[in-house]
Structures are given as structure tokens and as C-alpha cells.
Protein backbone atom coordinates (compact mmCIF):
# COMPACT_ATOMS: atom_id res chain seq x y z
CA MET A 1 187.08 44.28 -46.23
CA ASP A 2 188.19 44.97 -49.24
CA GLY A 3 191.65 43.55 -48.35
CA SER A 4 190.82 40.30 -47.73
CA ILE A 5 190.60 40.22 -51.54
CA ASN A 6 193.48 38.70 -53.25
CA THR A 7 194.74 40.34 -56.05
CA ASP A 8 193.89 38.12 -58.81
CA LEU A 9 190.56 37.61 -57.66
CA LYS A 10 189.76 41.06 -57.79
CA TYR A 11 191.30 41.81 -61.23
CA LEU A 12 189.20 38.91 -62.37
CA SER A 13 186.37 39.89 -61.12
CA ALA A 14 186.79 43.37 -62.69
CA ILE A 15 186.91 41.71 -66.04
CA LEU A 16 183.85 39.60 -65.34
CA SER A 17 181.07 42.49 -64.11
CA PRO A 18 178.85 44.12 -66.00
CA TYR A 19 179.20 46.69 -63.80
CA SER A 20 182.88 47.85 -64.15
CA SER A 21 183.89 50.68 -66.26
CA LYS A 22 186.07 49.86 -69.40
CA VAL A 23 188.96 47.38 -67.71
CA ALA A 24 192.31 48.51 -68.31
CA LEU A 25 195.12 45.75 -68.94
CA ASP A 26 197.78 45.15 -65.80
CA GLN A 27 200.94 44.37 -66.72
CA SER A 28 201.55 43.20 -63.49
CA VAL A 29 198.68 40.36 -63.54
CA ASN A 30 199.74 37.19 -64.10
CA TRP A 31 197.88 35.61 -66.70
CA GLU A 32 199.09 31.84 -66.26
CA LYS A 33 197.07 32.33 -62.92
CA GLN A 34 194.10 34.58 -64.42
CA ILE A 35 193.34 31.30 -66.88
CA GLU A 36 194.06 28.55 -63.97
CA LEU A 37 191.55 30.45 -61.84
CA ALA A 38 189.15 31.01 -64.30
CA ARG A 39 189.30 26.90 -64.99
CA GLN A 40 188.71 26.60 -61.70
CA HIS A 41 185.73 28.42 -61.00
CA ARG A 42 184.09 27.73 -63.97
CA ILE A 43 183.94 30.97 -65.83
CA SER A 44 186.03 30.85 -68.87
CA PRO A 45 183.57 31.38 -71.76
CA LEU A 46 182.51 34.41 -69.32
CA LEU A 47 185.92 35.46 -69.08
CA SER A 48 186.86 35.45 -72.72
CA ARG A 49 183.47 37.13 -73.88
CA GLN A 50 184.71 39.99 -71.48
CA ILE A 51 188.06 40.15 -72.58
CA ALA A 52 186.51 41.27 -76.28
CA ALA A 53 184.43 43.49 -74.73
CA ASN A 54 187.18 45.15 -72.88
CA LYS A 55 189.06 44.88 -75.96
CA LEU A 56 192.10 43.77 -73.83
CA GLN A 57 195.33 41.97 -75.37
CA ILE A 58 196.37 38.95 -73.36
CA PRO A 59 199.50 37.46 -73.74
CA PRO A 60 199.74 34.97 -76.80
CA GLY A 61 199.79 31.72 -74.66
CA SER A 62 197.52 32.63 -71.96
CA GLN A 63 194.79 33.10 -74.96
CA GLU A 64 195.20 29.72 -76.67
CA LYS A 65 194.86 28.20 -73.14
CA LEU A 66 191.52 29.77 -72.69
CA LYS A 67 190.46 29.43 -76.14
CA GLU A 68 191.14 25.33 -75.53
CA GLN A 69 188.85 25.90 -71.89
CA GLN A 70 186.29 27.91 -74.09
CA LYS A 71 186.04 25.33 -76.63
CA ALA A 72 185.77 22.51 -74.18
CA THR A 73 183.26 24.03 -72.60
CA HIS A 74 181.53 24.58 -75.65
CA LEU A 75 181.42 20.83 -76.71
CA LYS A 76 180.06 20.08 -73.32
CA MET A 77 177.28 22.51 -73.33
CA LEU A 78 176.50 21.40 -76.97
CA THR A 79 176.63 17.36 -75.71
CA LEU A 80 174.29 18.58 -72.79
CA SER A 81 172.13 20.52 -75.34
CA ARG A 82 171.35 17.42 -77.70
CA GLU A 83 171.09 14.67 -74.51
CA LEU A 84 168.38 17.09 -73.01
CA VAL A 85 166.53 17.02 -76.32
CA LEU A 86 166.74 13.20 -76.34
CA VAL A 87 165.96 12.77 -72.33
CA SER A 88 162.66 15.66 -72.78
CA GLN A 89 161.25 13.69 -76.27
CA GLN A 90 161.81 11.05 -73.81
CA PHE A 91 159.91 12.38 -71.05
CA GLU A 92 157.27 13.86 -73.06
CA LEU A 93 156.14 10.20 -74.06
CA GLN A 94 155.84 9.24 -70.42
CA ASN A 95 153.86 12.32 -69.60
CA ILE A 96 157.25 13.31 -67.40
CA LYS A 97 157.22 17.20 -66.60
CA PHE A 98 160.58 19.01 -65.46
CA ILE A 99 161.84 22.06 -65.10
CA ASN A 100 165.81 22.47 -66.20
CA LEU A 101 167.31 24.17 -62.66
CA LYS A 102 170.39 25.08 -64.33
CA GLY A 103 172.28 23.75 -67.55
CA PRO A 104 171.90 24.37 -71.06
CA VAL A 105 168.42 26.55 -70.50
CA GLN A 106 169.65 28.27 -67.89
CA SER A 107 172.74 29.57 -69.89
CA LEU A 108 170.23 30.38 -72.51
CA GLN A 109 168.39 32.09 -69.75
CA ILE A 110 170.94 34.35 -68.20
CA PHE A 111 172.95 35.22 -71.26
CA GLY A 112 171.01 34.09 -74.37
CA ASP A 113 174.05 31.08 -75.09
CA VAL A 114 173.93 28.00 -74.29
CA ALA A 115 177.66 27.79 -74.02
CA VAL A 116 178.67 30.61 -72.01
CA LYS A 117 177.53 28.54 -68.71
CA HIS A 118 180.17 25.72 -67.44
CA SER A 119 177.67 22.77 -66.48
CA ARG A 120 178.97 19.40 -65.56
CA ASP A 121 175.42 17.87 -65.52
CA LEU A 122 171.49 18.53 -66.04
CA ASP A 123 169.82 19.18 -63.38
CA LEU A 124 166.03 18.55 -64.03
CA LEU A 125 163.15 18.97 -61.24
CA ILE A 126 160.30 16.14 -61.64
CA GLU A 127 157.31 16.06 -59.56
CA GLU A 128 158.11 13.42 -56.43
CA ASP A 129 155.69 10.70 -57.80
CA LYS A 130 157.36 10.56 -61.17
CA VAL A 131 161.08 9.51 -59.35
CA GLU A 132 160.32 5.86 -60.58
CA ASN A 133 158.85 7.03 -63.58
CA CYS A 134 162.29 8.92 -64.19
CA ILE A 135 164.18 6.00 -63.23
CA GLU A 136 162.98 3.80 -65.72
CA VAL A 137 163.09 5.94 -68.50
CA LEU A 138 166.57 7.00 -67.61
CA GLN A 139 167.49 2.95 -67.53
CA SER A 140 165.92 2.55 -70.73
CA MET A 141 168.53 5.04 -72.20
CA GLY A 142 171.31 2.87 -71.07
CA TYR A 143 171.64 5.76 -67.53
CA GLU A 144 172.89 4.35 -64.06
CA THR A 145 172.57 5.48 -60.69
CA PRO A 146 175.48 5.11 -58.11
CA SER A 147 173.26 5.42 -55.64
CA PHE A 148 171.99 2.45 -53.50
CA TYR A 149 168.10 3.91 -53.92
CA LEU A 150 167.16 1.08 -55.81
CA SER A 151 167.76 -1.92 -53.63
CA LEU A 152 166.05 -0.14 -50.59
CA ASN A 153 163.04 -1.88 -49.99
CA PRO A 154 159.97 0.55 -49.79
CA LYS A 155 160.15 2.11 -46.49
CA GLN A 156 163.43 3.15 -46.86
CA LYS A 157 162.80 4.61 -50.28
CA HIS A 158 160.31 6.89 -48.57
CA TYR A 159 162.38 7.91 -45.87
CA PHE A 160 165.31 8.61 -48.81
CA LEU A 161 162.98 10.56 -50.46
CA LYS A 162 161.48 12.47 -47.74
CA THR A 163 164.62 13.36 -46.35
CA GLN A 164 166.82 13.65 -49.21
CA ASN A 165 166.01 15.59 -52.72
CA GLN A 166 167.71 14.13 -55.45
CA LEU A 167 169.55 11.17 -58.05
CA LEU A 168 172.82 10.95 -59.86
CA PHE A 169 172.61 8.80 -63.28
CA PHE A 170 175.30 8.41 -65.42
CA GLN A 171 175.27 7.61 -69.56
CA SER A 172 178.46 5.84 -70.06
CA GLU A 173 178.74 6.02 -73.52
CA ARG A 174 177.56 9.50 -74.73
CA LYS A 175 179.66 10.55 -71.40
CA VAL A 176 176.66 12.25 -69.60
CA GLN A 177 175.41 12.68 -66.27
CA ILE A 178 172.01 13.63 -64.95
CA GLU A 179 170.94 14.47 -61.46
CA ILE A 180 166.80 14.12 -61.11
CA HIS A 181 165.86 16.30 -57.98
CA TRP A 182 162.39 16.56 -56.36
CA ARG A 183 162.63 19.21 -54.55
CA LEU A 184 165.11 22.04 -54.49
CA PHE A 185 166.76 21.90 -51.45
CA ALA A 186 167.01 18.43 -49.01
CA ASN A 187 165.88 20.76 -45.96
CA GLN A 188 162.46 22.03 -47.47
CA LYS A 189 162.50 24.45 -44.71
CA LEU A 190 165.49 26.23 -46.30
CA LEU A 191 163.10 27.26 -49.29
CA HIS A 192 160.44 25.04 -51.07
CA PHE A 193 158.07 26.06 -53.57
CA PRO A 194 154.97 23.30 -54.75
CA PHE A 195 156.05 21.97 -58.43
CA GLU A 196 153.17 23.30 -59.88
CA GLU A 197 153.41 26.62 -58.69
CA LEU A 198 157.13 26.11 -60.28
CA TRP A 199 155.64 25.38 -62.76
CA LYS A 200 152.37 27.58 -63.91
CA LYS A 201 155.19 30.63 -63.33
CA SER A 202 158.05 29.00 -65.24
CA GLU A 203 159.94 30.50 -68.37
CA THR A 204 159.86 28.67 -71.64
CA VAL A 205 162.72 28.77 -74.34
CA SER A 206 163.38 26.68 -77.62
CA LEU A 207 166.97 24.43 -78.10
CA ALA A 208 167.17 22.81 -80.71
CA GLY A 209 163.37 23.06 -81.74
CA THR A 210 162.31 21.71 -78.83
CA GLN A 211 160.51 24.05 -76.29
CA LEU A 212 161.84 23.21 -72.13
CA LYS A 213 161.04 24.83 -69.37
CA GLY A 214 163.57 26.61 -67.15
CA LEU A 215 162.80 28.64 -63.62
CA SER A 216 161.05 32.03 -63.51
CA GLN A 217 163.50 34.93 -63.34
CA LEU A 218 162.41 35.54 -59.66
CA TYR A 219 162.08 31.80 -58.49
CA MET A 220 166.12 31.39 -60.35
CA CYS A 221 167.36 34.26 -58.17
CA LEU A 222 166.04 33.06 -55.11
CA TYR A 223 167.15 29.62 -55.70
CA LEU A 224 170.60 30.50 -56.87
CA SER A 225 171.27 32.76 -53.83
CA THR A 226 170.29 30.04 -51.65
CA HIS A 227 172.46 27.24 -53.40
CA GLY A 228 175.25 29.89 -53.70
CA ALA A 229 175.02 30.36 -50.09
CA LYS A 230 174.38 26.41 -49.05
CA HIS A 231 177.70 26.00 -50.67
CA GLN A 232 179.46 28.83 -49.37
CA TRP A 233 179.85 30.35 -52.56
CA SER A 234 183.42 28.63 -53.70
CA THR A 235 182.79 29.15 -57.01
CA LEU A 236 182.83 32.41 -58.42
CA TYR A 237 180.70 31.81 -61.58
CA TRP A 238 177.57 30.88 -58.39
CA LEU A 239 178.04 35.24 -58.02
CA ALA A 240 178.77 35.72 -61.62
CA GLU A 241 175.98 33.95 -63.11
CA LEU A 242 173.25 36.18 -60.63
CA VAL A 243 175.27 38.99 -61.11
CA TYR A 244 174.32 38.77 -64.81
CA LEU A 245 170.79 37.60 -64.05
CA ILE A 246 169.87 40.51 -61.61
CA LYS A 247 171.29 43.06 -63.79
CA ASN A 248 168.61 42.49 -66.40
CA MET A 249 165.45 41.39 -64.53
CA PRO A 250 162.87 44.18 -64.14
CA PHE A 251 162.97 43.93 -60.74
CA ASN A 252 165.30 45.90 -58.27
CA ILE A 253 167.60 44.81 -55.60
CA THR A 254 164.98 46.37 -52.80
CA GLU A 255 161.78 44.32 -54.56
CA ILE A 256 163.95 40.94 -54.49
CA HIS A 257 165.12 41.49 -51.03
CA LEU A 258 161.49 41.97 -50.18
CA GLU A 259 160.80 38.78 -52.07
CA ALA A 260 163.92 37.22 -50.32
CA LYS A 261 162.95 38.24 -46.72
CA ARG A 262 159.19 36.97 -47.58
CA TYR A 263 160.53 33.44 -48.37
CA GLY A 264 162.82 33.29 -45.11
CA VAL A 265 166.13 33.55 -47.02
CA GLU A 266 167.34 37.04 -46.56
CA ARG A 267 170.38 36.13 -45.47
CA PRO A 268 171.55 34.16 -48.27
CA PHE A 269 170.16 36.69 -50.32
CA LEU A 270 172.36 39.30 -48.54
CA GLN A 271 174.85 37.13 -48.81
CA PHE A 272 174.91 37.12 -51.59
CA VAL A 273 174.66 41.17 -52.13
CA GLY A 274 177.68 41.79 -50.34
CA LEU A 275 179.73 40.01 -52.31
CA ALA A 276 178.47 41.19 -55.18
CA GLN A 277 179.33 44.83 -54.17
CA LEU A 278 182.72 43.79 -53.19
CA LEU A 279 184.01 41.85 -56.07
CA PHE A 280 181.67 42.90 -59.33
CA LYS A 281 180.84 46.44 -58.01
CA MET A 282 176.97 45.72 -57.90
CA LYS A 283 175.70 49.45 -56.71
CA VAL A 284 173.40 48.35 -53.36
CA PRO A 285 170.53 50.70 -51.77
CA ASP A 286 171.68 52.28 -48.83
CA PRO A 287 168.85 50.25 -46.54
CA ILE A 288 170.51 47.26 -47.86
CA GLU A 289 173.99 48.37 -47.57
CA ALA A 290 172.96 48.99 -43.76
CA LEU A 291 171.93 45.59 -43.48
CA LEU A 292 175.21 44.04 -44.70
CA SER A 293 176.70 46.07 -42.13
CA LYS A 294 175.51 43.99 -39.30
CA ASN A 295 177.50 41.66 -37.23
CA SER A 296 176.15 38.34 -38.24
CA GLN A 297 175.33 39.45 -41.85
CA ALA A 298 179.18 40.20 -42.01
CA ARG A 299 180.62 37.40 -40.82
CA LEU A 300 178.47 35.47 -43.06
CA MET A 301 180.22 37.07 -45.88
CA ASN A 302 183.60 36.88 -44.69
CA LEU A 303 183.14 33.23 -44.15
CA ALA A 304 182.04 33.09 -47.94
CA LEU A 305 184.70 35.26 -48.51
CA LYS A 306 187.43 33.15 -46.94
CA ARG A 307 186.03 29.88 -49.06
CA LEU A 308 185.84 31.84 -52.32
CA GLN A 309 189.72 32.31 -51.87
CA ASP A 310 190.49 28.67 -50.44
CA ASN A 311 192.23 26.36 -52.97
CA THR A 312 192.36 23.53 -50.33
CA SER A 313 188.55 21.99 -50.56
CA SER A 314 188.45 21.26 -46.86
CA PHE A 315 185.13 20.92 -46.95
CA LYS A 316 185.39 18.08 -49.39
CA ASN A 317 187.08 16.17 -46.47
CA LYS A 318 184.77 14.05 -45.08
CA LYS A 319 185.70 14.64 -41.19
CA VAL A 320 183.88 14.41 -37.81
CA SER A 321 185.22 18.04 -37.45
CA THR A 322 184.31 19.07 -40.84
CA TYR A 323 180.89 18.47 -41.05
CA ALA A 324 180.56 19.98 -37.23
CA ILE A 325 181.83 23.31 -39.39
CA SER A 326 179.55 22.89 -42.30
CA SER A 327 176.92 22.57 -40.41
CA SER A 328 177.05 25.04 -37.92
CA TYR A 329 177.44 27.81 -41.06
CA ARG A 330 174.49 26.07 -42.83
CA MET A 331 172.43 26.40 -39.24
CA LYS A 332 173.12 30.38 -39.70
CA LEU A 333 171.22 30.97 -42.95
CA LYS A 334 168.19 30.88 -41.81
CA LYS A 335 166.51 31.97 -38.82
CA GLY A 336 163.64 29.70 -36.96
CA LEU A 337 163.44 26.43 -35.33
CA TRP A 338 161.90 25.12 -38.04
CA TYR A 339 164.87 25.20 -40.38
CA LYS A 340 167.04 24.21 -37.94
CA LEU A 341 165.13 20.65 -36.85
CA GLY A 342 164.82 20.16 -40.80
CA ALA A 343 168.30 19.72 -41.01
CA ILE A 344 168.66 17.23 -38.02
CA ASN A 345 167.63 13.85 -39.87
CA LEU A 346 166.55 10.73 -37.41
CA ILE A 347 167.92 8.37 -39.57
CA SER A 348 171.04 8.81 -41.64
CA ILE A 349 169.77 7.28 -45.02
CA ASN A 350 173.76 5.78 -44.79
CA ASP A 351 172.68 3.28 -42.57
CA PHE A 352 170.28 1.74 -45.19
CA GLN A 353 174.05 0.33 -46.15
CA LEU A 354 175.72 -0.18 -43.17
CA LEU A 355 173.13 -2.26 -41.43
CA LYS A 356 170.24 -4.01 -44.12
CA LEU A 357 166.82 -4.36 -42.36
CA PRO A 358 163.42 -5.43 -43.85
CA ALA A 359 161.21 -3.30 -43.80
CA SER A 360 159.45 -4.83 -40.87
CA LEU A 361 161.99 -4.04 -39.01
CA PHE A 362 162.81 -0.28 -39.82
CA PHE A 363 161.62 1.32 -36.39
CA LEU A 364 165.27 0.00 -35.08
CA TYR A 365 167.28 2.75 -36.99
CA TYR A 366 166.22 5.03 -34.93
CA PRO A 367 167.68 3.79 -31.41
CA LEU A 368 171.00 2.24 -33.23
CA ARG A 369 171.70 5.64 -34.89
CA PRO A 370 174.19 6.60 -31.97
CA PHE A 371 175.70 2.70 -32.63
CA LEU A 372 175.78 2.99 -36.25
CA TRP A 373 177.27 7.22 -36.51
CA VAL A 374 180.53 5.49 -34.17
CA LYS A 375 180.65 2.46 -36.29
CA ARG A 376 180.85 4.57 -39.27
CA TYR A 377 182.72 7.57 -38.44
CA LEU A 378 185.27 6.96 -35.37
CA LEU A 379 185.88 3.25 -35.95
CA LYS A 380 186.39 2.75 -39.42
């Protein structure tokens, strides 16, 4: 298995790992490629920090490129932090509670620094019945959404909210994106916690004098491992942040595994553990290592390892075969019929754009689904 990791990824992971002993400078390493991998996998700030910690003297040109990437990330995270404070103030005026899923707050929670994590947007978890309120607040702040949600009739909106879990908003003047989530995953059977439970156990961090909520360490661990598994661990940062989170948690791997098993996300967590052991040399208890050697778990890890090293972004190509492969992979993430049924939507929200029906005729989307699917994927 170890032989299937390419040299560049193996060395990059060794530098990033908080478990590795002091990493020596490898003269054979192509640092231009390392810096490009760092950009691609969104770990430039963490790499820069670890290079300093290991006292590695990398080529001046590569060092300068890394500094440029780190500076760009720093500016982005400062922009997101400023925007997060502004949004928090407006949400508070409207009595809208929210929990930060990622972004500057999570960076503070894991690394103690807002600028170590590379975030493209702000991900805010809200209560489902506050979605319309959030939309009004964000629109008042100059945000727009590319989603067709706003054009839907009440029945379509209701179905959208029950089968989806997020909406994207963009503020063009300040160049900031926000995703509002009303549940962790679209398929509630994958991993779901009531908002009030997450809120009650959330962590509070201070950002620019503003008190903000983030997931508790345990819930964050379960969420990040499931989120990374869902996306087949295509970005190295998702693994790295979870490795650092777990290293500083008051729970050991065995205890976290028991919680993952309790909530039905054992496979995603074990997939992470296997990858973390392989790439970051994270120590794994023997009983859990025995679970990693099972054929089904080993296959999941191999699929993720291949995806992590695959630069073709094949899962972004929206072809019928791609959807079939992606769906087949996700079905393997969790046992149980209810999870698999939860992944099946009797109506596609894309049909609402393809065929605009009034609320009184909403029921027609059910029998028309096969025909609309053929038109969307086979006849376009």
C-alpha cells in the first residue's frame, strides 16, 4: 500500500505531520512541484509553518512562491474574518443563531491562528426555519445567490429544503462567498444532529472581540471525517486539519472510534484513520488497525488514496458514468438501508428549472422524473 503513494505526496505529508520526527531536507525533492502541490491542496500556510519548525532551507525561488501563497491566504482569511464579524452583528439583530462549520473560527479552534486554514468561503449552520430570514439579511448586505431557490413556489421550496442542505451567496463588491447550511449533509441519514444539540455543546471563540460559535471538538471530528470521506479526501488539507485536531483532543483514537460507530460513521472515520496512518504516521491502536485490514475498509482507503493523487478532477465532469461511480462510492460509506434510501430523491430539484409547474401541479414531478432525466442527461 505504501508503495502506491507518489514521492512528492509522501514527502509533503512527512513535513506536514505533527507526528513525524524532525524531517531532513531531501536534495532530490522537486520544490517547485512541492509548492504547486501545496497550492493545489490548500496547505501553503501549514507547510510554511512546518518548514520553519523543521528548519528546512528550501530554494529561494520556491521559498518566495510559498510566501506569496501564504500572503494571499492570509489576506483572504482576514477578509473572511472581517466579513464574519459583520454578518454576526446583523444576524444577532435578527435573533439568528449560527454555528461556524469551517473558516476562520475552525482555524482558530484547530491551530490557534485564523490564517493557517485556507478557506474559500464562510460556512454557517443555521436552523432550517431561519433560512428565509438569513436570505433577507444577506440580501440587505449586498449578497446575491446563483441558486434558483428564490424563484421557486412554496411547495418547491419546501422540497428543496428537505432534500438539500445549503445555499451559496456571493458579495461581489467585497468578493466574499457565504454558504448557509440548515443541516450538516443533504442526506440526513449520513450524519445528523439537531441544531440545538450542536448549539448547546458548541465552543465559543473570540474573533476581533466578537464571540462566535464553532462545533465542539468531538462533533467537529465526526463532521470533518464524514465530510472528507464524502468527497473522497481529494484535498490533503482535509486530512491534515483532522490530524492536528485529533492530536490536541482530550479523546484518544479508540474513544473517537466508538463515537463514530455510535453515530453510524465508522467507515468514514476508519478511512481517515487509515490515510492518516499511511501519510502522517499517526499512531493507531492494534484493534483499530485490524479493522483497517478488512477488505471493505481497505478498498475505501485505496479509492481515497487514488483520488487524492488524481489531478484529473474526474468527479467534476458531470457525465452519467461519473454520477454512477460517485453514487456507488458514497453508498459504501455507511451500512444500512435507511442511509441508502436517504440518498435517493424521488424528484430532482433540477427538474424545477427544466419544467416550471405551479404549486397545484407539483405532484406531476414524480411521474415525469424519468422523462426529465432522459432529457437532461441523454438528449442535451
